[in-house]
Amino acid sequence: MVATKRKKRYKDYARDYLQDALDELAKRHGLAYAKLYIRDQKTKRGTCSTKKNIGLNRKLIKMPREIIEYVICHELAHLKEMNHSKRFWAVVEELYPDYKSAVAWVKRYGGSLQ
């Protein structure tokens, strides 16, 4: 029972934290998304659908704030480019100029979300 309550509080905290971060970054960059989904996935950090829905892994809150911001900016960039082309990465760089160091951090430490 205690573990269930703790898990719910953790999920609620993640939802609030990630919602606030997404709203702030979307507003800062003049981008609009449709809906936020908080998921519990083993490896994916985020998703963006063609309907402009953004999904974020609740386990992101275990990562440094800069990495959370990078992941959110990565998904926001998909609102403009729904691929990983050079144009997409140019959008990511507009939104998060130091994205290369964030990508390196994710490759080194963020392989599997525990």
Protein backbone atom coordinates (compact mmCIF):
# COMPACT_ATOMS: atom_id res chain seq x y z
CA MET A 1 0.00 0.00 0.00
CA VAL A 2 2.77 2.46 0.95
CA ALA A 3 4.72 1.63 -2.24
CA THR A 4 1.60 2.29 -4.35
CA LYS A 5 1.06 5.69 -2.74
CA ARG A 6 4.73 6.56 -3.18
CA LYS A 7 4.61 5.58 -6.86
CA LYS A 8 1.52 7.74 -7.41
CA ARG A 9 3.15 10.73 -5.69
CA TYR A 10 6.26 10.24 -7.82
CA LYS A 11 4.18 10.07 -11.00
CA ASP A 12 2.17 13.16 -10.00
CA TYR A 13 5.38 15.06 -9.24
CA ALA A 14 6.86 14.03 -12.60
CA ARG A 15 3.70 15.15 -14.42
CA ASP A 16 3.70 18.56 -12.72
CA TYR A 17 7.43 19.13 -13.17
CA LEU A 18 7.54 18.04 -16.82
CA GLN A 19 4.32 19.91 -17.67
CA ASP A 20 5.75 23.13 -16.24
CA ALA A 21 9.06 22.65 -18.06
CA LEU A 22 7.34 21.89 -21.38
CA ASP A 23 4.98 24.85 -21.08
CA GLU A 24 7.83 27.21 -20.25
CA LEU A 25 10.02 26.05 -23.15
CA ALA A 26 7.16 25.97 -25.66
CA LYS A 27 6.18 29.52 -24.69
CA ARG A 28 9.80 30.74 -24.78
CA HIS A 29 10.21 29.45 -28.33
CA GLY A 30 6.74 30.35 -29.60
CA LEU A 31 5.71 26.75 -30.23
CA ALA A 32 2.37 25.10 -29.53
CA TYR A 33 1.76 21.45 -28.84
CA ALA A 34 -1.61 19.74 -28.50
CA LYS A 35 -1.32 17.49 -25.47
CA LEU A 36 1.28 16.09 -23.09
CA TYR A 37 1.44 12.41 -22.21
CA ILE A 38 3.58 11.17 -19.35
CA ARG A 39 4.75 7.62 -19.92
CA ASP A 40 6.79 5.04 -18.07
CA GLN A 41 9.14 3.52 -20.66
CA LYS A 42 12.41 1.65 -20.37
CA THR A 43 14.42 3.39 -23.10
CA LYS A 44 12.47 6.18 -24.83
CA ARG A 45 12.84 9.60 -23.31
CA GLY A 46 10.29 11.40 -25.44
CA THR A 47 8.04 11.28 -28.48
CA CYS A 48 6.15 13.71 -30.71
CA SER A 49 3.23 12.67 -32.89
CA THR A 50 1.98 14.19 -36.13
CA LYS A 51 -1.01 15.40 -34.08
CA LYS A 52 1.46 17.54 -32.09
CA ASN A 53 1.10 15.42 -28.96
CA ILE A 54 4.27 15.18 -26.91
CA GLY A 55 5.09 12.19 -24.74
CA LEU A 56 7.72 12.41 -22.03
CA ASN A 57 9.10 9.61 -19.89
CA ARG A 58 8.36 10.24 -16.22
CA LYS A 59 11.85 8.97 -15.38
CA LEU A 60 13.33 12.09 -17.00
CA ILE A 61 13.04 13.81 -13.64
CA LYS A 62 15.96 11.67 -12.47
CA MET A 63 18.18 13.42 -15.03
CA PRO A 64 19.86 16.82 -14.72
CA ARG A 65 17.68 19.84 -15.54
CA GLU A 66 19.78 20.62 -18.65
CA ILE A 67 19.12 17.16 -20.06
CA ILE A 68 15.40 17.45 -19.39
CA GLU A 69 15.41 20.76 -21.25
CA TYR A 70 17.32 19.22 -24.14
CA VAL A 71 14.87 16.30 -24.43
CA ILE A 72 11.92 18.68 -24.37
CA CYS A 73 13.53 20.93 -27.00
CA HIS A 74 14.25 17.84 -29.12
CA GLU A 75 10.56 16.93 -29.04
CA LEU A 76 9.49 20.52 -29.66
CA ALA A 77 11.75 20.58 -32.72
CA HIS A 78 9.65 17.73 -34.11
CA LEU A 79 6.73 20.16 -34.26
CA LYS A 80 8.64 21.79 -37.14
CA GLU A 81 10.48 18.77 -38.58
CA MET A 82 9.07 15.27 -38.05
CA ASN A 83 12.37 13.52 -38.80
CA HIS A 84 16.02 13.63 -37.84
CA SER A 85 17.33 15.41 -40.94
CA LYS A 86 19.91 18.21 -41.01
CA ARG A 87 17.01 20.70 -40.94
CA PHE A 88 15.68 19.02 -37.79
CA TRP A 89 19.06 19.31 -36.03
CA ALA A 90 19.26 22.97 -37.09
CA VAL A 91 15.91 23.54 -35.33
CA VAL A 92 17.20 21.69 -32.25
CA GLU A 93 20.25 23.96 -32.25
CA GLU A 94 18.00 27.05 -32.41
CA LEU A 95 16.05 25.81 -29.40
CA TYR A 96 18.97 24.37 -27.43
CA PRO A 97 22.33 25.68 -28.72
CA ASP A 98 24.46 23.33 -26.57
CA TYR A 99 22.60 20.24 -27.80
CA LYS A 100 25.79 18.38 -28.75
CA SER A 101 26.98 18.16 -25.16
CA ALA A 102 23.49 17.03 -24.09
CA VAL A 103 23.51 14.32 -26.77
CA ALA A 104 26.93 13.20 -25.54
CA TRP A 105 25.63 13.05 -21.94
CA VAL A 106 22.62 10.99 -23.01
CA LYS A 107 24.83 8.59 -24.96
CA ARG A 108 27.14 8.19 -21.99
CA TYR A 109 24.72 8.07 -19.06
CA GLY A 110 21.14 7.88 -20.34
CA GLY A 111 21.06 4.55 -22.16
CA SER A 112 18.44 2.86 -20.06
CA LEU A 113 16.06 4.74 -17.83
CA GLN A 114 15.80 3.05 -14.47
